[in-house]
Amino acid sequence: MTERLDAFMARANAEYYATHDPFADFTTAPEISQVFGELMGAWATVVWNRLGRPTNIILAEAGPGRGTLMADALRVIERMAPDFSACLRLHVVETSQALRRVQSARFDAVFHDSVEQIPKGPMILLANEFLDALPIRQFVRRDIWMERYVQHAAFVEMPAEMALPDAAEGAVLELCEPAREIVRALAARFAEQGGAALFIDYGPEQSDFGESLQALRDRVKVDPLHSPGAADLTAHVDFQALAEIAGPRAAQGPIPQGLLLARLGLFQRSERLARTLSPMHAMAMMDSARRLAEPDQMGRLFKALAITQPDFPPLPGFAP
């Protein structure tokens, strides 16, 4: 069978998330420190207030994993803003039935297969390490642009059927059409109905040529074309392209994750929690904060991009 890379990646990841515990292969920020999810809850609370405290507000998360981020966020929202907690309607985008069962044990939510299925109304959307798992197309510059297909666990190339920018021989261009469609739809939705979305993921701030497709199995990088469904396939997020699609009036960022979390109070909150812990656990708490924010760890590789209704004031963490 010969299939385009994005079709192969979508099929492989659907099988992987349906049959595996992904957290055996990687660890996301909410699993590293409870403070990450708490900051997301505080962020959403401030945004809700700036939206005018709508009583029909949707709080949504795309790709919640084990539900850790949302559980931590809801705890903070209930403490900080009982009115927000009482009126929000929780919606979750999750295609894995196995993960839906895990999430249902932590909170009550309406589940959807895609962001587009979330019902109308003002919305605050959180999405951590969601875009990187969406399927990509890959193009290689030969004398002309060639698109990569997968056949018998190897790449084959066929002439590209779309116009692409000029590049040097051998350059690789990756294109994530689902991510672009999600951002385009959210920008249109927020312009009409109000709201904001926060995407945190890994990738460069500026668009660039290069191959980033990778597969993780048992926390080790493996060949992404072998044993589809047995490893998690991801690729870097093109934040510049997504910001351009949303437009300058709706996009805020991208900025480094470390900068966002520091501005939101990562270290202050972690220090307060550490004072209530044993010395060993306090050290672990602060090590977790540094892992999330330090430039040589996750702080620079991961970026944050917000999409809002047009001309919305700077969101928490995005103002200088």
C-alpha atoms as a PDB file:
ATOM      1  CA  MET A   1       0.000   0.000   0.000  1.00  0.00           C
ATOM      2  CA  THR A   2       1.207   3.496  -0.876  1.00  0.00           C
ATOM      3  CA  GLU A   3      -0.184   6.407   1.115  1.00  0.00           C
ATOM      4  CA  ARG A   4       0.672  10.024   1.599  1.00  0.00           C
ATOM      5  CA  LEU A   5       2.664  10.722   4.760  1.00  0.00           C
ATOM      6  CA  ASP A   6      -0.167  12.597   6.484  1.00  0.00           C
ATOM      7  CA  ALA A   7      -2.551   9.686   5.909  1.00  0.00           C
ATOM      8  CA  PHE A   8       0.057   7.272   7.266  1.00  0.00           C
ATOM      9  CA  MET A   9       0.672   9.467  10.318  1.00  0.00           C
ATOM     10  CA  ALA A  10      -3.041   9.900  11.062  1.00  0.00           C
ATOM     11  CA  ARG A  11      -3.633   6.159  10.845  1.00  0.00           C
ATOM     12  CA  ALA A  12      -0.594   5.302  12.961  1.00  0.00           C
ATOM     13  CA  ASN A  13      -1.391   7.798  15.722  1.00  0.00           C
ATOM     14  CA  ALA A  14      -5.067   6.797  15.833  1.00  0.00           C
ATOM     15  CA  GLU A  15      -4.008   3.200  16.463  1.00  0.00           C
ATOM     16  CA  TYR A  16      -1.313   4.235  18.931  1.00  0.00           C
ATOM     17  CA  TYR A  17      -3.603   6.334  21.126  1.00  0.00           C
ATOM     18  CA  ALA A  18      -6.327   3.691  20.987  1.00  0.00           C
ATOM     19  CA  THR A  19      -4.056   0.875  22.140  1.00  0.00           C
ATOM     20  CA  HIS A  20      -1.232   2.428  24.222  1.00  0.00           C
ATOM     21  CA  ASP A  21      -0.684   4.487  27.326  1.00  0.00           C
ATOM     22  CA  PRO A  22       1.234   7.366  25.715  1.00  0.00           C
ATOM     23  CA  PHE A  23       2.688   8.442  29.041  1.00  0.00           C
ATOM     24  CA  ALA A  24       4.799   5.315  29.064  1.00  0.00           C
ATOM     25  CA  ASP A  25       6.649   6.878  26.132  1.00  0.00           C
ATOM     26  CA  PHE A  26       6.769  10.581  27.031  1.00  0.00           C
ATOM     27  CA  THR A  27       6.006  13.023  29.848  1.00  0.00           C
ATOM     28  CA  THR A  28       4.076  16.256  29.284  1.00  0.00           C
ATOM     29  CA  ALA A  29       4.292  19.471  31.298  1.00  0.00           C
ATOM     30  CA  PRO A  30       1.143  18.860  33.416  1.00  0.00           C
ATOM     31  CA  GLU A  31       2.624  15.528  34.556  1.00  0.00           C
ATOM     32  CA  ILE A  32       5.908  17.216  35.506  1.00  0.00           C
ATOM     33  CA  SER A  33       4.373  19.747  37.909  1.00  0.00           C
ATOM     34  CA  GLN A  34       0.879  20.476  39.189  1.00  0.00           C
ATOM     35  CA  VAL A  35       1.758  24.164  38.941  1.00  0.00           C
ATOM     36  CA  PHE A  36       1.539  24.027  35.143  1.00  0.00           C
ATOM     37  CA  GLY A  37      -2.172  23.169  35.214  1.00  0.00           C
ATOM     38  CA  GLU A  38      -2.797  25.580  38.061  1.00  0.00           C
ATOM     39  CA  LEU A  39      -1.333  28.410  36.010  1.00  0.00           C
ATOM     40  CA  MET A  40      -3.572  27.421  33.087  1.00  0.00           C
ATOM     41  CA  GLY A  41      -6.580  27.660  35.395  1.00  0.00           C
ATOM     42  CA  ALA A  42      -5.508  31.089  36.620  1.00  0.00           C
ATOM     43  CA  TRP A  43      -4.873  32.157  32.996  1.00  0.00           C
ATOM     44  CA  ALA A  44      -8.363  31.040  31.964  1.00  0.00           C
ATOM     45  CA  THR A  45      -9.898  32.895  34.924  1.00  0.00           C
ATOM     46  CA  VAL A  46      -8.280  36.189  33.940  1.00  0.00           C
ATOM     47  CA  VAL A  47      -9.354  35.704  30.326  1.00  0.00           C
ATOM     48  CA  TRP A  48     -12.943  34.998  31.429  1.00  0.00           C
ATOM     49  CA  ASN A  49     -12.974  38.264  33.373  1.00  0.00           C
ATOM     50  CA  ARG A  50     -11.593  40.183  30.396  1.00  0.00           C
ATOM     51  CA  LEU A  51     -14.262  38.653  28.170  1.00  0.00           C
ATOM     52  CA  GLY A  52     -16.853  40.304  30.405  1.00  0.00           C
ATOM     53  CA  ARG A  53     -17.587  37.279  32.635  1.00  0.00           C
ATOM     54  CA  PRO A  54     -20.013  35.559  30.187  1.00  0.00           C
ATOM     55  CA  THR A  55     -22.305  33.071  31.915  1.00  0.00           C
ATOM     56  CA  ASN A  56     -22.510  30.795  28.871  1.00  0.00           C
ATOM     57  CA  ILE A  57     -18.745  30.265  28.663  1.00  0.00           C
ATOM     58  CA  ILE A  58     -17.228  27.069  27.262  1.00  0.00           C
ATOM     59  CA  LEU A  59     -13.961  25.907  28.793  1.00  0.00           C
ATOM     60  CA  ALA A  60     -12.384  23.389  26.443  1.00  0.00           C
ATOM     61  CA  GLU A  61      -9.212  21.367  26.170  1.00  0.00           C
ATOM     62  CA  ALA A  62      -7.828  19.657  23.098  1.00  0.00           C
ATOM     63  CA  GLY A  63      -5.831  16.494  23.742  1.00  0.00           C
ATOM     64  CA  PRO A  64      -6.123  16.308  27.554  1.00  0.00           C
ATOM     65  CA  GLY A  65      -4.050  13.136  28.000  1.00  0.00           C
ATOM     66  CA  ARG A  66      -4.760  11.798  31.473  1.00  0.00           C
ATOM     67  CA  GLY A  67      -6.761  14.913  32.341  1.00  0.00           C
ATOM     68  CA  THR A  68      -4.113  16.225  34.714  1.00  0.00           C
ATOM     69  CA  LEU A  69      -3.955  19.759  33.305  1.00  0.00           C
ATOM     70  CA  MET A  70      -7.706  20.250  33.414  1.00  0.00           C
ATOM     71  CA  ALA A  71      -8.100  18.712  36.874  1.00  0.00           C
ATOM     72  CA  ASP A  72      -5.450  21.090  38.250  1.00  0.00           C
ATOM     73  CA  ALA A  73      -6.959  24.036  36.357  1.00  0.00           C
ATOM     74  CA  LEU A  74     -10.486  23.364  37.620  1.00  0.00           C
ATOM     75  CA  ARG A  75      -9.259  23.200  41.215  1.00  0.00           C
ATOM     76  CA  VAL A  76      -7.755  26.684  40.882  1.00  0.00           C
ATOM     77  CA  ILE A  77     -10.786  28.074  39.054  1.00  0.00           C
ATOM     78  CA  GLU A  78     -13.108  26.855  41.806  1.00  0.00           C
ATOM     79  CA  ARG A  79     -10.930  28.553  44.427  1.00  0.00           C
ATOM     80  CA  MET A  80     -10.239  31.795  42.528  1.00  0.00           C
ATOM     81  CA  ALA A  81     -13.549  32.351  40.755  1.00  0.00           C
ATOM     82  CA  PRO A  82     -16.520  30.333  42.059  1.00  0.00           C
ATOM     83  CA  ASP A  83     -18.806  32.176  39.635  1.00  0.00           C
ATOM     84  CA  PHE A  84     -16.673  31.058  36.691  1.00  0.00           C
ATOM     85  CA  SER A  85     -16.564  27.510  38.046  1.00  0.00           C
ATOM     86  CA  ALA A  86     -20.341  27.433  38.421  1.00  0.00           C
ATOM     87  CA  CYS A  87     -21.182  28.677  34.941  1.00  0.00           C
ATOM     88  CA  LEU A  88     -18.545  27.082  32.716  1.00  0.00           C
ATOM     89  CA  ARG A  89     -19.422  24.179  30.426  1.00  0.00           C
ATOM     90  CA  LEU A  90     -16.531  21.767  30.013  1.00  0.00           C
ATOM     91  CA  HIS A  91     -15.825  20.326  26.570  1.00  0.00           C
ATOM     92  CA  VAL A  92     -12.953  18.037  25.600  1.00  0.00           C
ATOM     93  CA  VAL A  93     -11.505  17.062  22.222  1.00  0.00           C
ATOM     94  CA  GLU A  94     -10.301  13.475  22.498  1.00  0.00           C
ATOM     95  CA  THR A  95     -10.487  10.696  19.909  1.00  0.00           C
ATOM     96  CA  SER A  96      -9.102   7.880  22.077  1.00  0.00           C
ATOM     97  CA  GLN A  97     -11.827   5.947  23.892  1.00  0.00           C
ATOM     98  CA  ALA A  98      -9.247   4.638  26.353  1.00  0.00           C
ATOM     99  CA  LEU A  99      -8.138   8.165  27.281  1.00  0.00           C
ATOM    100  CA  ARG A 100     -11.744   9.339  27.479  1.00  0.00           C
ATOM    101  CA  ARG A 101     -12.336   6.765  30.209  1.00  0.00           C
ATOM    102  CA  VAL A 102      -9.316   8.037  32.138  1.00  0.00           C
ATOM    103  CA  GLN A 103     -10.446  11.654  31.766  1.00  0.00           C
ATOM    104  CA  SER A 104     -14.035  10.864  32.771  1.00  0.00           C
ATOM    105  CA  ALA A 105     -12.759   9.635  36.125  1.00  0.00           C
ATOM    106  CA  ARG A 106     -11.311  13.114  36.803  1.00  0.00           C
ATOM    107  CA  PHE A 107     -14.024  15.474  35.529  1.00  0.00           C
ATOM    108  CA  ASP A 108     -17.408  15.635  33.798  1.00  0.00           C
ATOM    109  CA  ALA A 109     -17.162  16.842  30.219  1.00  0.00           C
ATOM    110  CA  VAL A 110     -18.765  16.634  26.810  1.00  0.00           C
ATOM    111  CA  PHE A 111     -16.411  14.796  24.440  1.00  0.00           C
ATOM    112  CA  HIS A 112     -15.772  15.606  20.792  1.00  0.00           C
ATOM    113  CA  ASP A 113     -13.650  14.155  18.024  1.00  0.00           C
ATOM    114  CA  SER A 114     -12.537  17.564  16.736  1.00  0.00           C
ATOM    115  CA  VAL A 115     -12.315  21.212  17.758  1.00  0.00           C
ATOM    116  CA  GLU A 116     -14.854  22.081  15.081  1.00  0.00           C
ATOM    117  CA  GLN A 117     -17.519  20.003  16.871  1.00  0.00           C
ATOM    118  CA  ILE A 118     -17.483  22.177  20.001  1.00  0.00           C
ATOM    119  CA  PRO A 119     -20.830  24.034  20.101  1.00  0.00           C
ATOM    120  CA  LYS A 120     -21.182  27.757  19.498  1.00  0.00           C
ATOM    121  CA  GLY A 121     -20.588  30.351  22.174  1.00  0.00           C
ATOM    122  CA  PRO A 122     -17.729  32.232  23.791  1.00  0.00           C
ATOM    123  CA  MET A 123     -14.925  29.791  24.497  1.00  0.00           C
ATOM    124  CA  ILE A 124     -11.570  29.500  26.240  1.00  0.00           C
ATOM    125  CA  LEU A 125      -9.537  26.655  24.741  1.00  0.00           C
ATOM    126  CA  LEU A 126      -6.387  25.123  26.215  1.00  0.00           C
ATOM    127  CA  ALA A 127      -4.198  22.825  24.119  1.00  0.00           C
ATOM    128  CA  ASN A 128      -0.877  21.500  25.399  1.00  0.00           C
ATOM    129  CA  GLU A 129       1.084  19.204  23.078  1.00  0.00           C
ATOM    130  CA  PHE A 130      -1.910  18.755  20.802  1.00  0.00           C
ATOM    131  CA  LEU A 131      -0.782  20.259  17.506  1.00  0.00           C
ATOM    132  CA  ASP A 132       2.470  18.274  17.325  1.00  0.00           C
ATOM    133  CA  ALA A 133       0.587  14.977  16.898  1.00  0.00           C
ATOM    134  CA  LEU A 134      -1.522  16.215  13.965  1.00  0.00           C
ATOM    135  CA  PRO A 135      -0.520  14.675  10.624  1.00  0.00           C
ATOM    136  CA  ILE A 136       1.929  16.487   8.371  1.00  0.00           C
ATOM    137  CA  ARG A 137       2.763  16.416   4.691  1.00  0.00           C
ATOM    138  CA  GLN A 138       6.436  16.400   3.754  1.00  0.00           C
ATOM    139  CA  PHE A 139       8.036  17.762   0.589  1.00  0.00           C
ATOM    140  CA  VAL A 140      11.622  17.404  -0.626  1.00  0.00           C
ATOM    141  CA  ARG A 141      13.252  19.749  -3.123  1.00  0.00           C
ATOM    142  CA  ARG A 142      14.891  17.909  -5.991  1.00  0.00           C
ATOM    143  CA  ASP A 143      14.924  19.610  -9.391  1.00  0.00           C
ATOM    144  CA  ILE A 144      11.260  20.142  -8.537  1.00  0.00           C
ATOM    145  CA  TRP A 145       9.317  19.714  -5.314  1.00  0.00           C
ATOM    146  CA  MET A 146       8.540  16.072  -4.569  1.00  0.00           C
ATOM    147  CA  GLU A 147       6.020  14.897  -1.966  1.00  0.00           C
ATOM    148  CA  ARG A 148       6.802  11.986   0.321  1.00  0.00           C
ATOM    149  CA  TYR A 149       4.601   8.926   0.435  1.00  0.00           C
ATOM    150  CA  VAL A 150       5.061   5.764   2.507  1.00  0.00           C
ATOM    151  CA  GLN A 151       5.382   2.376   0.856  1.00  0.00           C
ATOM    152  CA  HIS A 152       6.603  -0.805   2.580  1.00  0.00           C
ATOM    153  CA  ALA A 153       8.047   1.134   5.569  1.00  0.00           C
ATOM    154  CA  ALA A 154      10.073   3.437   3.309  1.00  0.00           C
ATOM    155  CA  PHE A 155       9.637   6.829   1.699  1.00  0.00           C
ATOM    156  CA  VAL A 156       8.846   7.133  -1.978  1.00  0.00           C
ATOM    157  CA  GLU A 157       8.562  10.470  -3.754  1.00  0.00           C
ATOM    158  CA  MET A 158       6.081  11.780  -6.290  1.00  0.00           C
ATOM    159  CA  PRO A 159       5.879  15.218  -7.915  1.00  0.00           C
ATOM    160  CA  ALA A 160       4.097  17.736  -5.689  1.00  0.00           C
ATOM    161  CA  GLU A 161       0.718  18.900  -6.887  1.00  0.00           C
ATOM    162  CA  MET A 162       0.814  22.295  -5.176  1.00  0.00           C
ATOM    163  CA  ALA A 163       2.893  25.460  -5.431  1.00  0.00           C
ATOM    164  CA  LEU A 164       5.642  25.745  -2.825  1.00  0.00           C
ATOM    165  CA  PRO A 165       8.332  28.362  -2.109  1.00  0.00           C
ATOM    166  CA  ASP A 166      11.708  28.088  -3.743  1.00  0.00           C
ATOM    167  CA  ALA A 167      14.440  26.336  -1.760  1.00  0.00           C
ATOM    168  CA  ALA A 168      17.841  24.749  -2.089  1.00  0.00           C
ATOM    169  CA  GLU A 169      18.291  21.235  -3.430  1.00  0.00           C
ATOM    170  CA  GLY A 170      17.478  18.659  -0.745  1.00  0.00           C
ATOM    171  CA  ALA A 171      15.468  21.039   1.438  1.00  0.00           C
ATOM    172  CA  VAL A 172      12.563  19.498   3.348  1.00  0.00           C
ATOM    173  CA  LEU A 173       9.311  21.385   3.888  1.00  0.00           C
ATOM    174  CA  GLU A 174       6.646  20.189   6.329  1.00  0.00           C
ATOM    175  CA  LEU A 175       3.018  21.277   6.145  1.00  0.00           C
ATOM    176  CA  CYS A 176       0.400  20.540   8.814  1.00  0.00           C
ATOM    177  CA  GLU A 177      -2.925  21.255   7.162  1.00  0.00           C
ATOM    178  CA  PRO A 178      -5.139  20.218  10.146  1.00  0.00           C
ATOM    179  CA  ALA A 179      -3.373  22.698  12.456  1.00  0.00           C
ATOM    180  CA  ARG A 180      -3.847  25.466   9.927  1.00  0.00           C
ATOM    181  CA  GLU A 181      -7.529  24.661   9.559  1.00  0.00           C
ATOM    182  CA  ILE A 182      -8.046  24.645  13.334  1.00  0.00           C
ATOM    183  CA  VAL A 183      -6.420  28.066  13.742  1.00  0.00           C
ATOM    184  CA  ARG A 184      -8.307  29.497  10.770  1.00  0.00           C
ATOM    185  CA  ALA A 185     -11.615  28.237  12.184  1.00  0.00           C
ATOM    186  CA  LEU A 186     -10.862  29.507  15.700  1.00  0.00           C
ATOM    187  CA  ALA A 187      -9.940  32.983  14.471  1.00  0.00           C
ATOM    188  CA  ALA A 188     -13.240  33.176  12.568  1.00  0.00           C
ATOM    189  CA  ARG A 189     -15.178  31.791  15.534  1.00  0.00           C
ATOM    190  CA  PHE A 190     -13.677  34.204  18.053  1.00  0.00           C
ATOM    191  CA  ALA A 191     -14.297  37.172  15.739  1.00  0.00           C
ATOM    192  CA  GLU A 192     -18.001  36.286  15.777  1.00  0.00           C
ATOM    193  CA  GLN A 193     -18.565  34.734  19.210  1.00  0.00           C
ATOM    194  CA  GLY A 194     -15.641  35.836  21.388  1.00  0.00           C
ATOM    195  CA  GLY A 195     -12.986  33.839  23.160  1.00  0.00           C
ATOM    196  CA  ALA A 196      -9.343  32.866  23.246  1.00  0.00           C
ATOM    197  CA  ALA A 197      -7.201  29.777  22.690  1.00  0.00           C
ATOM    198  CA  LEU A 198      -3.795  28.979  24.136  1.00  0.00           C
ATOM    199  CA  PHE A 199      -1.558  26.518  22.276  1.00  0.00           C
ATOM    200  CA  ILE A 200       1.638  25.284  23.930  1.00  0.00           C
ATOM    201  CA  ASP A 201       3.815  22.953  21.912  1.00  0.00           C
ATOM    202  CA  TYR A 202       7.312  22.484  20.585  1.00  0.00           C
ATOM    203  CA  GLY A 203       8.824  24.003  17.487  1.00  0.00           C
ATOM    204  CA  PRO A 204      10.688  27.116  16.282  1.00  0.00           C
ATOM    205  CA  GLU A 205       9.259  30.632  16.432  1.00  0.00           C
ATOM    206  CA  GLN A 206      10.142  31.249  12.779  1.00  0.00           C
ATOM    207  CA  SER A 207       9.166  29.012   9.872  1.00  0.00           C
ATOM    208  CA  ASP A 208      12.113  27.093   8.496  1.00  0.00           C
ATOM    209  CA  PHE A 209      12.967  24.217   6.211  1.00  0.00           C
ATOM    210  CA  GLY A 210      13.944  20.952   7.846  1.00  0.00           C
ATOM    211  CA  GLU A 211      12.704  17.519   8.807  1.00  0.00           C
ATOM    212  CA  SER A 212      11.265  17.130  12.309  1.00  0.00           C
ATOM    213  CA  LEU A 213       9.116  13.990  12.099  1.00  0.00           C
ATOM    214  CA  GLN A 214      10.013  11.659  14.956  1.00  0.00           C
ATOM    215  CA  ALA A 215       8.692   8.590  16.744  1.00  0.00           C
ATOM    216  CA  LEU A 216       9.025   7.689  20.422  1.00  0.00           C
ATOM    217  CA  ARG A 217       8.648   4.193  21.814  1.00  0.00           C
ATOM    218  CA  ASP A 218       9.567   3.332  25.404  1.00  0.00           C
ATOM    219  CA  ARG A 219      11.058   6.851  25.610  1.00  0.00           C
ATOM    220  CA  VAL A 220      13.518   6.056  22.820  1.00  0.00           C
ATOM    221  CA  LYS A 221      13.504   7.492  19.295  1.00  0.00           C
ATOM    222  CA  VAL A 222      12.682   4.862  16.676  1.00  0.00           C
ATOM    223  CA  ASP A 223      12.109   4.781  12.919  1.00  0.00           C
ATOM    224  CA  PRO A 224       8.724   6.506  12.383  1.00  0.00           C
ATOM    225  CA  LEU A 225       7.891   4.323   9.382  1.00  0.00           C
ATOM    226  CA  HIS A 226       8.305   0.959  11.121  1.00  0.00           C
ATOM    227  CA  SER A 227       5.542  -0.670  13.186  1.00  0.00           C
ATOM    228  CA  PRO A 228       2.874   2.023  12.675  1.00  0.00           C
ATOM    229  CA  GLY A 229       0.692   2.276  15.766  1.00  0.00           C
ATOM    230  CA  ALA A 230       3.445   1.115  18.123  1.00  0.00           C
ATOM    231  CA  ALA A 231       5.065   4.546  18.612  1.00  0.00           C
ATOM    232  CA  ASP A 232       3.959   8.146  19.033  1.00  0.00           C
ATOM    233  CA  LEU A 233       4.559  10.203  15.875  1.00  0.00           C
ATOM    234  CA  THR A 234       5.057  13.957  16.212  1.00  0.00           C
ATOM    235  CA  ALA A 235       6.520  16.895  14.314  1.00  0.00           C
ATOM    236  CA  HIS A 236       7.490  20.470  15.124  1.00  0.00           C
ATOM    237  CA  VAL A 237       4.704  23.047  15.064  1.00  0.00           C
ATOM    238  CA  ASP A 238       5.112  25.897  12.564  1.00  0.00           C
ATOM    239  CA  PHE A 239       4.097  28.714  14.911  1.00  0.00           C
ATOM    240  CA  GLN A 240       4.890  31.507  12.482  1.00  0.00           C
ATOM    241  CA  ALA A 241       2.578  30.042   9.840  1.00  0.00           C
ATOM    242  CA  LEU A 242      -0.229  29.623  12.376  1.00  0.00           C
ATOM    243  CA  ALA A 243       0.161  33.184  13.651  1.00  0.00           C
ATOM    244  CA  GLU A 244       0.042  34.490  10.076  1.00  0.00           C
ATOM    245  CA  ILE A 245      -3.122  32.508   9.374  1.00  0.00           C
ATOM    246  CA  ALA A 246      -4.835  33.963  12.443  1.00  0.00           C
ATOM    247  CA  GLY A 247      -3.653  37.438  11.467  1.00  0.00           C
ATOM    248  CA  PRO A 248      -1.906  40.177  13.482  1.00  0.00           C
ATOM    249  CA  ARG A 249      -5.155  41.345  15.064  1.00  0.00           C
ATOM    250  CA  ALA A 250      -5.909  37.886  16.494  1.00  0.00           C
ATOM    251  CA  ALA A 251      -2.534  36.245  17.180  1.00  0.00           C
ATOM    252  CA  GLN A 252      -0.445  36.887  20.291  1.00  0.00           C
ATOM    253  CA  GLY A 253       2.993  35.300  20.335  1.00  0.00           C
ATOM    254  CA  PRO A 254       4.581  32.922  19.813  1.00  0.00           C
ATOM    255  CA  ILE A 255       6.776  33.321  22.877  1.00  0.00           C
ATOM    256  CA  PRO A 256       8.936  30.751  24.679  1.00  0.00           C
ATOM    257  CA  GLN A 257       7.112  28.549  27.176  1.00  0.00           C
ATOM    258  CA  GLY A 258       9.620  29.474  29.857  1.00  0.00           C
ATOM    259  CA  LEU A 259       8.866  33.174  29.454  1.00  0.00           C
ATOM    260  CA  LEU A 260       5.106  32.590  29.594  1.00  0.00           C
ATOM    261  CA  LEU A 261       5.288  30.431  32.712  1.00  0.00           C
ATOM    262  CA  ALA A 262       7.691  32.776  34.485  1.00  0.00           C
ATOM    263  CA  ARG A 263       5.386  35.722  33.807  1.00  0.00           C
ATOM    264  CA  LEU A 264       2.420  33.729  35.104  1.00  0.00           C
ATOM    265  CA  GLY A 265       4.221  33.032  38.386  1.00  0.00           C
ATOM    266  CA  LEU A 266       5.657  29.535  37.967  1.00  0.00           C
ATOM    267  CA  PHE A 267       8.560  30.016  40.352  1.00  0.00           C
ATOM    268  CA  GLN A 268       6.631  31.964  42.987  1.00  0.00           C
ATOM    269  CA  ARG A 269       3.867  29.347  43.119  1.00  0.00           C
ATOM    270  CA  SER A 270       6.375  26.497  43.161  1.00  0.00           C
ATOM    271  CA  GLU A 271       8.286  28.133  46.020  1.00  0.00           C
ATOM    272  CA  ARG A 272       5.101  28.548  48.072  1.00  0.00           C
ATOM    273  CA  LEU A 273       4.229  24.892  47.585  1.00  0.00           C
ATOM    274  CA  ALA A 274       7.803  23.838  48.343  1.00  0.00           C
ATOM    275  CA  ARG A 275       7.624  25.452  51.800  1.00  0.00           C
ATOM    276  CA  THR A 276       4.931  22.936  52.789  1.00  0.00           C
ATOM    277  CA  LEU A 277       6.962  19.905  51.664  1.00  0.00           C
ATOM    278  CA  SER A 278       9.832  17.858  53.009  1.00  0.00           C
ATOM    279  CA  PRO A 279      13.292  18.993  51.844  1.00  0.00           C
ATOM    280  CA  MET A 280      13.483  16.166  49.305  1.00  0.00           C
ATOM    281  CA  HIS A 281      10.037  16.896  47.837  1.00  0.00           C
ATOM    282  CA  ALA A 282      10.660  20.644  47.928  1.00  0.00           C
ATOM    283  CA  MET A 283      13.802  20.157  45.858  1.00  0.00           C
ATOM    284  CA  ALA A 284      11.839  18.020  43.397  1.00  0.00           C
ATOM    285  CA  MET A 285       9.180  20.728  43.144  1.00  0.00           C
ATOM    286  CA  MET A 286      11.744  23.386  42.237  1.00  0.00           C
ATOM    287  CA  ASP A 287      13.567  21.036  39.863  1.00  0.00           C
ATOM    288  CA  SER A 288      10.251  20.515  38.052  1.00  0.00           C
ATOM    289  CA  ALA A 289       9.767  24.263  37.693  1.00  0.00           C
ATOM    290  CA  ARG A 290      13.241  24.653  36.245  1.00  0.00           C
ATOM    291  CA  ARG A 291      12.628  21.767  33.853  1.00  0.00           C
ATOM    292  CA  LEU A 292       9.549  23.550  32.502  1.00  0.00           C
ATOM    293  CA  ALA A 293      11.118  26.993  32.190  1.00  0.00           C
ATOM    294  CA  GLU A 294      14.883  26.848  31.794  1.00  0.00           C
ATOM    295  CA  PRO A 295      16.102  27.585  28.244  1.00  0.00           C
ATOM    296  CA  ASP A 296      18.300  24.478  28.104  1.00  0.00           C
ATOM    297  CA  GLN A 297      15.360  22.243  29.046  1.00  0.00           C
ATOM    298  CA  MET A 298      11.735  22.823  27.937  1.00  0.00           C
ATOM    299  CA  GLY A 299      11.641  26.586  28.312  1.00  0.00           C
ATOM    300  CA  ARG A 300      12.946  27.531  24.882  1.00  0.00           C
ATOM    301  CA  LEU A 301      12.031  24.544  22.696  1.00  0.00           C
ATOM    302  CA  PHE A 302       8.358  24.858  23.642  1.00  0.00           C
ATOM    303  CA  LYS A 303       6.412  27.918  22.532  1.00  0.00           C
ATOM    304  CA  ALA A 304       3.077  29.494  23.405  1.00  0.00           C
ATOM    305  CA  LEU A 305       0.703  30.999  20.846  1.00  0.00           C
ATOM    306  CA  ALA A 306      -2.646  32.588  21.665  1.00  0.00           C
ATOM    307  CA  ILE A 307      -5.521  33.185  19.265  1.00  0.00           C
ATOM    308  CA  THR A 308      -8.188  35.697  20.303  1.00  0.00           C
ATOM    309  CA  GLN A 309     -11.026  37.798  19.069  1.00  0.00           C
ATOM    310  CA  PRO A 310      -9.674  40.757  17.054  1.00  0.00           C
ATOM    311  CA  ASP A 311      -7.801  43.514  18.897  1.00  0.00           C
ATOM    312  CA  PHE A 312      -8.121  41.824  22.294  1.00  0.00           C
ATOM    313  CA  PRO A 313      -5.861  43.311  25.017  1.00  0.00           C
ATOM    314  CA  PRO A 314      -2.647  41.404  25.732  1.00  0.00           C
ATOM    315  CA  LEU A 315      -3.422  38.105  27.414  1.00  0.00           C
ATOM    316  CA  PRO A 316      -1.798  37.062  30.693  1.00  0.00           C
ATOM    317  CA  GLY A 317       1.846  36.202  30.078  1.00  0.00           C
ATOM    318  CA  PHE A 318       1.949  37.827  26.637  1.00  0.00           C
ATOM    319  CA  ALA A 319       2.299  41.450  27.736  1.00  0.00           C
ATOM    320  CA  PRO A 320       5.970  42.571  28.049  1.00  0.00           C
END
